[in-house]
PDB file of N, CA and C in Angstrom:
ATOM      1  N   UNK A   1     -26.087  22.267   1.271  1.00  0.00           N
ATOM      2  CA  UNK A   1     -26.694  21.629   1.813  1.00  0.00           C
ATOM      3  C   UNK A   1     -26.750  20.293   1.432  1.00  0.00           C
ATOM      4  N   UNK A   2     -26.023  19.659   3.197  1.00  0.00           N
ATOM      5  CA  UNK A   2     -26.380  17.715   2.118  1.00  0.00           C
ATOM      6  C   UNK A   2     -26.570  17.154   4.041  1.00  0.00           C
ATOM      7  N   UNK A   3     -26.893  16.157   3.418  1.00  0.00           N
ATOM      8  CA  UNK A   3     -27.257  15.098   4.418  1.00  0.00           C
ATOM      9  C   UNK A   3     -26.332  14.422   5.468  1.00  0.00           C
ATOM     10  N   UNK A   4     -26.188  14.735   6.614  1.00  0.00           N
ATOM     11  CA  UNK A   4     -24.740  14.427   7.527  1.00  0.00           C
ATOM     12  C   UNK A   4     -24.550  12.708   7.441  1.00  0.00           C
ATOM     13  N   UNK A   5     -25.554  11.915   6.910  1.00  0.00           N
ATOM     14  CA  UNK A   5     -25.457  10.783   6.934  1.00  0.00           C
ATOM     15  C   UNK A   5     -25.699   9.848   5.213  1.00  0.00           C
ATOM     16  N   UNK A   6     -26.594   8.780   5.348  1.00  0.00           N
ATOM     17  CA  UNK A   6     -27.201   8.676   3.374  1.00  0.00           C
ATOM     18  C   UNK A   6     -28.052   9.150   3.487  1.00  0.00           C
ATOM     19  N   UNK A   7     -27.477   9.773   2.512  1.00  0.00           N
ATOM     20  CA  UNK A   7     -29.044  10.500   1.269  1.00  0.00           C
ATOM     21  C   UNK A   7     -30.575  10.016   2.111  1.00  0.00           C
ATOM     22  N   UNK A   8     -30.674   8.473   1.651  1.00  0.00           N
ATOM     23  CA  UNK A   8     -32.068   8.298   2.223  1.00  0.00           C
ATOM     24  C   UNK A   8     -32.768   9.016   2.962  1.00  0.00           C
ATOM     25  N   UNK A   9     -31.797   8.554   4.301  1.00  0.00           N
ATOM     26  CA  UNK A   9     -32.351   8.173   5.527  1.00  0.00           C
ATOM     27  C   UNK A   9     -30.760   9.093   7.261  1.00  0.00           C
ATOM     28  N   UNK A  10     -30.167  10.189   6.314  1.00  0.00           N
ATOM     29  CA  UNK A  10     -30.029  10.784   6.609  1.00  0.00           C
ATOM     30  C   UNK A  10     -30.770  11.741   8.031  1.00  0.00           C
ATOM     31  N   UNK A  11     -30.707  11.928   9.612  1.00  0.00           N
ATOM     32  CA  UNK A  11     -31.357  12.359  10.135  1.00  0.00           C
ATOM     33  C   UNK A  11     -31.114  13.986  10.199  1.00  0.00           C
ATOM     34  N   UNK A  12     -29.894  14.730  10.118  1.00  0.00           N
ATOM     35  CA  UNK A  12     -29.771  15.625  10.092  1.00  0.00           C
ATOM     36  C   UNK A  12     -29.341  15.686   8.624  1.00  0.00           C
ATOM     37  N   UNK A  13     -29.335  17.645   8.590  1.00  0.00           N
ATOM     38  CA  UNK A  13     -28.824  18.239   7.124  1.00  0.00           C
ATOM     39  C   UNK A  13     -28.112  18.843   7.505  1.00  0.00           C
ATOM     40  N   UNK A  14     -27.398  18.878   6.658  1.00  0.00           N
ATOM     41  CA  UNK A  14     -26.045  19.719   7.280  1.00  0.00           C
ATOM     42  C   UNK A  14     -25.586  21.808   6.324  1.00  0.00           C
ATOM     43  N   UNK A  15     -25.395  23.463   7.076  1.00  0.00           N
ATOM     44  CA  UNK A  15     -26.028  24.130   5.283  1.00  0.00           C
ATOM     45  C   UNK A  15     -25.004  24.783   6.121  1.00  0.00           C
ATOM     46  N   UNK A  16     -24.515  24.936   5.439  1.00  0.00           N
ATOM     47  CA  UNK A  16     -22.938  25.994   5.014  1.00  0.00           C
ATOM     48  C   UNK A  16     -23.435  27.114   4.609  1.00  0.00           C
ATOM     49  N   UNK A  17     -22.493  28.458   4.699  1.00  0.00           N
ATOM     50  CA  UNK A  17     -24.094  29.661   4.124  1.00  0.00           C
ATOM     51  C   UNK A  17     -23.022  30.784   4.613  1.00  0.00           C
ATOM     52  N   UNK A  18     -22.861  32.115   3.977  1.00  0.00           N
ATOM     53  CA  UNK A  18     -21.716  33.137   3.946  1.00  0.00           C
ATOM     54  C   UNK A  18     -22.457  34.613   5.007  1.00  0.00           C
ATOM     55  N   UNK A  19     -22.450  34.757   5.360  1.00  0.00           N
ATOM     56  CA  UNK A  19     -22.082  36.365   5.801  1.00  0.00           C
ATOM     57  C   UNK A  19     -21.214  37.351   5.935  1.00  0.00           C
ATOM     58  N   UNK A  20     -21.347  37.964   5.912  1.00  0.00           N
ATOM     59  CA  UNK A  20     -20.074  39.216   5.450  1.00  0.00           C
ATOM     60  C   UNK A  20     -19.308  39.048   5.081  1.00  0.00           C
ATOM     61  N   UNK A  21     -18.705  37.572   4.593  1.00  0.00           N
ATOM     62  CA  UNK A  21     -17.907  37.434   4.041  1.00  0.00           C
ATOM     63  C   UNK A  21     -16.704  35.592   5.302  1.00  0.00           C
ATOM     64  N   UNK A  22     -17.704  36.203   6.241  1.00  0.00           N
ATOM     65  CA  UNK A  22     -16.913  33.816   6.946  1.00  0.00           C
ATOM     66  C   UNK A  22     -18.373  33.279   6.355  1.00  0.00           C
ATOM     67  N   UNK A  23     -18.130  32.107   6.768  1.00  0.00           N
ATOM     68  CA  UNK A  23     -18.865  31.338   6.904  1.00  0.00           C
ATOM     69  C   UNK A  23     -19.449  30.394   7.586  1.00  0.00           C
ATOM     70  N   UNK A  24     -20.435  30.582   7.865  1.00  0.00           N
ATOM     71  CA  UNK A  24     -20.810  29.318   8.956  1.00  0.00           C
ATOM     72  C   UNK A  24     -21.841  28.413   8.563  1.00  0.00           C
ATOM     73  N   UNK A  25     -21.833  27.558   9.550  1.00  0.00           N
ATOM     74  CA  UNK A  25     -22.720  26.018   9.685  1.00  0.00           C
ATOM     75  C   UNK A  25     -23.307  25.769  10.169  1.00  0.00           C
ATOM     76  N   UNK A  26     -24.102  25.216  10.080  1.00  0.00           N
ATOM     77  CA  UNK A  26     -25.460  24.623  10.309  1.00  0.00           C
ATOM     78  C   UNK A  26     -25.788  23.332  10.293  1.00  0.00           C
ATOM     79  N   UNK A  27     -26.619  22.884  11.538  1.00  0.00           N
ATOM     80  CA  UNK A  27     -27.257  21.357  11.807  1.00  0.00           C
ATOM     81  C   UNK A  27     -28.610  21.809  11.333  1.00  0.00           C
ATOM     82  N   UNK A  28     -29.450  20.945  10.751  1.00  0.00           N
ATOM     83  CA  UNK A  28     -30.509  20.963  11.321  1.00  0.00           C
ATOM     84  C   UNK A  28     -31.832  19.464  10.964  1.00  0.00           C
ATOM     85  N   UNK A  29     -32.366  19.532  11.546  1.00  0.00           N
ATOM     86  CA  UNK A  29     -33.244  18.354  10.551  1.00  0.00           C
ATOM     87  C   UNK A  29     -33.889  17.955  10.517  1.00  0.00           C
ATOM     88  N   UNK A  30     -34.576  19.665   8.841  1.00  0.00           N
ATOM     89  CA  UNK A  30     -34.700  19.142   8.034  1.00  0.00           C
ATOM     90  C   UNK A  30     -34.323  20.604   7.298  1.00  0.00           C
ATOM     91  N   UNK A  31     -34.605  21.454   6.482  1.00  0.00           N
ATOM     92  CA  UNK A  31     -34.462  22.237   5.476  1.00  0.00           C
ATOM     93  C   UNK A  31     -35.219  21.613   4.865  1.00  0.00           C
ATOM     94  N   UNK A  32     -35.757  23.588   3.824  1.00  0.00           N
ATOM     95  CA  UNK A  32     -36.409  24.148   2.631  1.00  0.00           C
ATOM     96  C   UNK A  32     -36.246  24.963   2.157  1.00  0.00           C
ATOM     97  N   UNK A  33     -36.111  24.514   1.153  1.00  0.00           N
ATOM     98  CA  UNK A  33     -34.933  25.460   0.134  1.00  0.00           C
ATOM     99  C   UNK A  33     -35.768  26.068  -0.810  1.00  0.00           C
ATOM    100  N   UNK A  34     -36.542  27.722  -0.954  1.00  0.00           N
ATOM    101  CA  UNK A  34     -37.500  28.055  -1.335  1.00  0.00           C
ATOM    102  C   UNK A  34     -36.994  28.664  -2.828  1.00  0.00           C
ATOM    103  N   UNK A  35     -35.792  28.603  -3.483  1.00  0.00           N
ATOM    104  CA  UNK A  35     -35.299  28.671  -4.741  1.00  0.00           C
ATOM    105  C   UNK A  35     -35.864  27.736  -5.791  1.00  0.00           C
ATOM    106  N   UNK A  36     -34.920  28.305  -7.242  1.00  0.00           N
ATOM    107  CA  UNK A  36     -35.357  28.266  -7.951  1.00  0.00           C
ATOM    108  C   UNK A  36     -35.616  26.773  -8.508  1.00  0.00           C
ATOM    109  N   UNK A  37     -35.400  25.140  -9.275  1.00  0.00           N
ATOM    110  CA  UNK A  37     -34.236  23.992  -9.113  1.00  0.00           C
ATOM    111  C   UNK A  37     -33.717  23.987 -10.355  1.00  0.00           C
ATOM    112  N   UNK A  38     -33.721  25.366 -10.720  1.00  0.00           N
ATOM    113  CA  UNK A  38     -32.187  25.477 -11.475  1.00  0.00           C
ATOM    114  C   UNK A  38     -31.277  25.944 -10.826  1.00  0.00           C
ATOM    115  N   UNK A  39     -31.420  26.858  -9.278  1.00  0.00           N
ATOM    116  CA  UNK A  39     -30.687  26.739  -8.937  1.00  0.00           C
ATOM    117  C   UNK A  39     -30.290  25.754  -7.821  1.00  0.00           C
ATOM    118  N   UNK A  40     -31.343  24.789  -7.177  1.00  0.00           N
ATOM    119  CA  UNK A  40     -30.954  23.389  -6.109  1.00  0.00           C
ATOM    120  C   UNK A  40     -30.316  22.875  -6.632  1.00  0.00           C
ATOM    121  N   UNK A  41     -30.314  22.280  -7.513  1.00  0.00           N
ATOM    122  CA  UNK A  41     -29.289  21.192  -8.629  1.00  0.00           C
ATOM    123  C   UNK A  41     -29.041  20.927  -8.009  1.00  0.00           C
ATOM    124  N   UNK A  42     -27.406  22.675  -7.787  1.00  0.00           N
ATOM    125  CA  UNK A  42     -26.403  23.398  -7.332  1.00  0.00           C
ATOM    126  C   UNK A  42     -26.143  23.081  -5.920  1.00  0.00           C
ATOM    127  N   UNK A  43     -26.517  23.535  -5.461  1.00  0.00           N
ATOM    128  CA  UNK A  43     -25.913  23.835  -3.718  1.00  0.00           C
ATOM    129  C   UNK A  43     -26.475  22.981  -3.101  1.00  0.00           C
ATOM    130  N   UNK A  44     -26.820  21.645  -3.035  1.00  0.00           N
ATOM    131  CA  UNK A  44     -27.450  19.983  -3.104  1.00  0.00           C
ATOM    132  C   UNK A  44     -26.917  18.677  -2.848  1.00  0.00           C
ATOM    133  N   UNK A  45     -25.772  18.858  -1.798  1.00  0.00           N
ATOM    134  CA  UNK A  45     -24.750  18.500  -2.312  1.00  0.00           C
ATOM    135  C   UNK A  45     -25.665  16.279  -2.526  1.00  0.00           C
ATOM    136  N   UNK A  46     -24.795  15.769  -3.316  1.00  0.00           N
ATOM    137  CA  UNK A  46     -25.156  14.543  -3.562  1.00  0.00           C
ATOM    138  C   UNK A  46     -26.694  14.001  -3.736  1.00  0.00           C
ATOM    139  N   UNK A  47     -27.384  14.371  -4.629  1.00  0.00           N
ATOM    140  CA  UNK A  47     -28.197  14.552  -5.579  1.00  0.00           C
ATOM    141  C   UNK A  47     -28.293  13.651  -6.220  1.00  0.00           C
ATOM    142  N   UNK A  48     -29.172  12.149  -6.196  1.00  0.00           N
ATOM    143  CA  UNK A  48     -29.214  10.994  -6.643  1.00  0.00           C
ATOM    144  C   UNK A  48     -29.631  11.252  -8.373  1.00  0.00           C
ATOM    145  N   UNK A  49     -28.816  10.885  -9.127  1.00  0.00           N
ATOM    146  CA  UNK A  49     -28.444  10.871 -10.843  1.00  0.00           C
ATOM    147  C   UNK A  49     -30.948  11.204 -11.490  1.00  0.00           C
ATOM    148  N   UNK A  50     -31.148  10.916 -10.437  1.00  0.00           N
ATOM    149  CA  UNK A  50     -32.763  10.315 -10.657  1.00  0.00           C
ATOM    150  C   UNK A  50     -33.045  11.720 -10.087  1.00  0.00           C
ATOM    151  N   UNK A  51     -32.887  12.732  -9.480  1.00  0.00           N
ATOM    152  CA  UNK A  51     -33.423  13.482  -8.343  1.00  0.00           C
ATOM    153  C   UNK A  51     -32.767  14.523  -9.382  1.00  0.00           C
ATOM    154  N   UNK A  52     -31.681  14.647  -9.968  1.00  0.00           N
ATOM    155  CA  UNK A  52     -30.842  15.580 -10.638  1.00  0.00           C
ATOM    156  C   UNK A  52     -31.518  15.521 -12.503  1.00  0.00           C
ATOM    157  N   UNK A  53     -31.940  14.340 -12.267  1.00  0.00           N
ATOM    158  CA  UNK A  53     -32.271  14.782 -14.303  1.00  0.00           C
ATOM    159  C   UNK A  53     -34.298  14.685 -13.365  1.00  0.00           C
ATOM    160  N   UNK A  54     -34.404  14.152 -12.415  1.00  0.00           N
ATOM    161  CA  UNK A  54     -35.613  14.957 -12.553  1.00  0.00           C
ATOM    162  C   UNK A  54     -36.297  16.860 -11.937  1.00  0.00           C
ATOM    163  N   UNK A  55     -35.298  17.102 -11.860  1.00  0.00           N
ATOM    164  CA  UNK A  55     -35.247  18.612 -11.675  1.00  0.00           C
ATOM    165  C   UNK A  55     -35.371  19.202 -13.131  1.00  0.00           C
ATOM    166  N   UNK A  56     -34.007  19.014 -13.943  1.00  0.00           N
ATOM    167  CA  UNK A  56     -33.978  19.547 -15.125  1.00  0.00           C
ATOM    168  C   UNK A  56     -34.684  19.363 -16.062  1.00  0.00           C
ATOM    169  N   UNK A  57     -36.410  18.632 -15.545  1.00  0.00           N
ATOM    170  CA  UNK A  57     -37.483  18.341 -16.299  1.00  0.00           C
ATOM    171  C   UNK A  57     -38.551  19.703 -16.137  1.00  0.00           C
ATOM    172  N   UNK A  58     -37.769  20.529 -15.036  1.00  0.00           N
ATOM    173  CA  UNK A  58     -38.901  21.492 -14.756  1.00  0.00           C
ATOM    174  C   UNK A  58     -39.107  22.717 -15.657  1.00  0.00           C
ATOM    175  N   UNK A  59     -40.004  22.958 -16.097  1.00  0.00           N
ATOM    176  CA  UNK A  59     -40.125  24.760 -17.413  1.00  0.00           C
ATOM    177  C   UNK A  59     -39.452  25.541 -15.859  1.00  0.00           C
ATOM    178  N   UNK A  60     -39.611  26.097 -15.971  1.00  0.00           N
ATOM    179  CA  UNK A  60     -38.983  27.732 -15.761  1.00  0.00           C
ATOM    180  C   UNK A  60     -39.236  28.896 -16.724  1.00  0.00           C
ATOM    181  N   UNK A  61     -40.360  30.052 -16.313  1.00  0.00           N
ATOM    182  CA  UNK A  61     -39.210  31.217 -17.220  1.00  0.00           C
ATOM    183  C   UNK A  61     -39.713  32.379 -16.208  1.00  0.00           C
ATOM    184  N   UNK A  62     -38.612  33.256 -16.354  1.00  0.00           N
ATOM    185  CA  UNK A  62     -38.813  34.903 -15.968  1.00  0.00           C
ATOM    186  C   UNK A  62     -39.484  35.318 -16.244  1.00  0.00           C
ATOM    187  N   UNK A  63     -40.582  36.209 -14.950  1.00  0.00           N
ATOM    188  CA  UNK A  63     -40.818  36.756 -14.591  1.00  0.00           C
ATOM    189  C   UNK A  63     -41.497  37.854 -14.294  1.00  0.00           C
ATOM    190  N   UNK A  64     -42.326  38.567 -14.251  1.00  0.00           N
ATOM    191  CA  UNK A  64     -42.043  40.006 -13.406  1.00  0.00           C
ATOM    192  C   UNK A  64     -43.365  40.214 -13.465  1.00  0.00           C
ATOM    193  N   UNK A  65     -43.871  40.831 -11.882  1.00  0.00           N
ATOM    194  CA  UNK A  65     -45.206  40.303 -11.859  1.00  0.00           C
ATOM    195  C   UNK A  65     -45.320  41.853 -11.288  1.00  0.00           C
ATOM    196  N   UNK A  66     -46.166  43.247 -11.323  1.00  0.00           N
ATOM    197  CA  UNK A  66     -45.959  44.185 -10.358  1.00  0.00           C
ATOM    198  C   UNK A  66     -47.330  44.936  -9.996  1.00  0.00           C
ATOM    199  N   UNK A  67     -47.555  45.302  -9.126  1.00  0.00           N
ATOM    200  CA  UNK A  67     -49.196  45.867  -8.840  1.00  0.00           C
ATOM    201  C   UNK A  67     -48.645  47.291  -8.413  1.00  0.00           C
ATOM    202  N   UNK A  68     -49.506  48.547  -9.051  1.00  0.00           N
ATOM    203  CA  UNK A  68     -49.237  49.957  -8.900  1.00  0.00           C
ATOM    204  C   UNK A  68     -49.927  50.791  -8.970  1.00  0.00           C
ATOM    205  N   UNK A  69     -50.031  51.179  -7.340  1.00  0.00           N
ATOM    206  CA  UNK A  69     -51.656  51.651  -6.875  1.00  0.00           C
ATOM    207  C   UNK A  69     -50.846  52.849  -7.297  1.00  0.00           C
ATOM    208  N   UNK A  70     -51.929  54.698  -7.343  1.00  0.00           N
ATOM    209  CA  UNK A  70     -51.403  55.923  -7.957  1.00  0.00           C
ATOM    210  C   UNK A  70     -51.730  56.407  -6.671  1.00  0.00           C
ATOM    211  N   UNK A  71     -51.397  57.357  -6.635  1.00  0.00           N
ATOM    212  CA  UNK A  71     -53.141  58.515  -5.690  1.00  0.00           C
ATOM    213  C   UNK A  71     -54.476  58.014  -5.946  1.00  0.00           C
ATOM    214  N   UNK A  72     -55.149  58.605  -5.663  1.00  0.00           N
ATOM    215  CA  UNK A  72     -56.522  58.800  -6.191  1.00  0.00           C
ATOM    216  C   UNK A  72     -56.789  58.412  -7.583  1.00  0.00           C
ATOM    217  N   UNK A  73     -56.837  57.226  -7.088  1.00  0.00           N
ATOM    218  CA  UNK A  73     -57.125  55.533  -8.436  1.00  0.00           C
ATOM    219  C   UNK A  73     -58.318  55.325  -7.899  1.00  0.00           C
ATOM    220  N   UNK A  74     -59.266  55.619  -8.961  1.00  0.00           N
ATOM    221  CA  UNK A  74     -59.924  55.521  -9.031  1.00  0.00           C
ATOM    222  C   UNK A  74     -61.082  54.436  -9.778  1.00  0.00           C
ATOM    223  N   UNK A  75     -61.726  52.959  -9.392  1.00  0.00           N
ATOM    224  CA  UNK A  75     -61.946  51.591  -9.521  1.00  0.00           C
ATOM    225  C   UNK A  75     -63.443  51.168 -10.268  1.00  0.00           C
TER     226      UNK A  75
END
């Protein structure tokens, strides 16, 4: 993902993705990355050094949350 113009004022973002072994490109007025910062800093083109450093400061831990419901479970 990258801004089409200057990163501080680009009107559009350009997004390239892969589906079925073929690359596609779309333009959008905005985009939301619902991913961890440790991934975002590798997929966003044109990050300023200050932005990249800020992404490095986020703490994260792998977490697994499991909800289990058994038949006839009594609360």
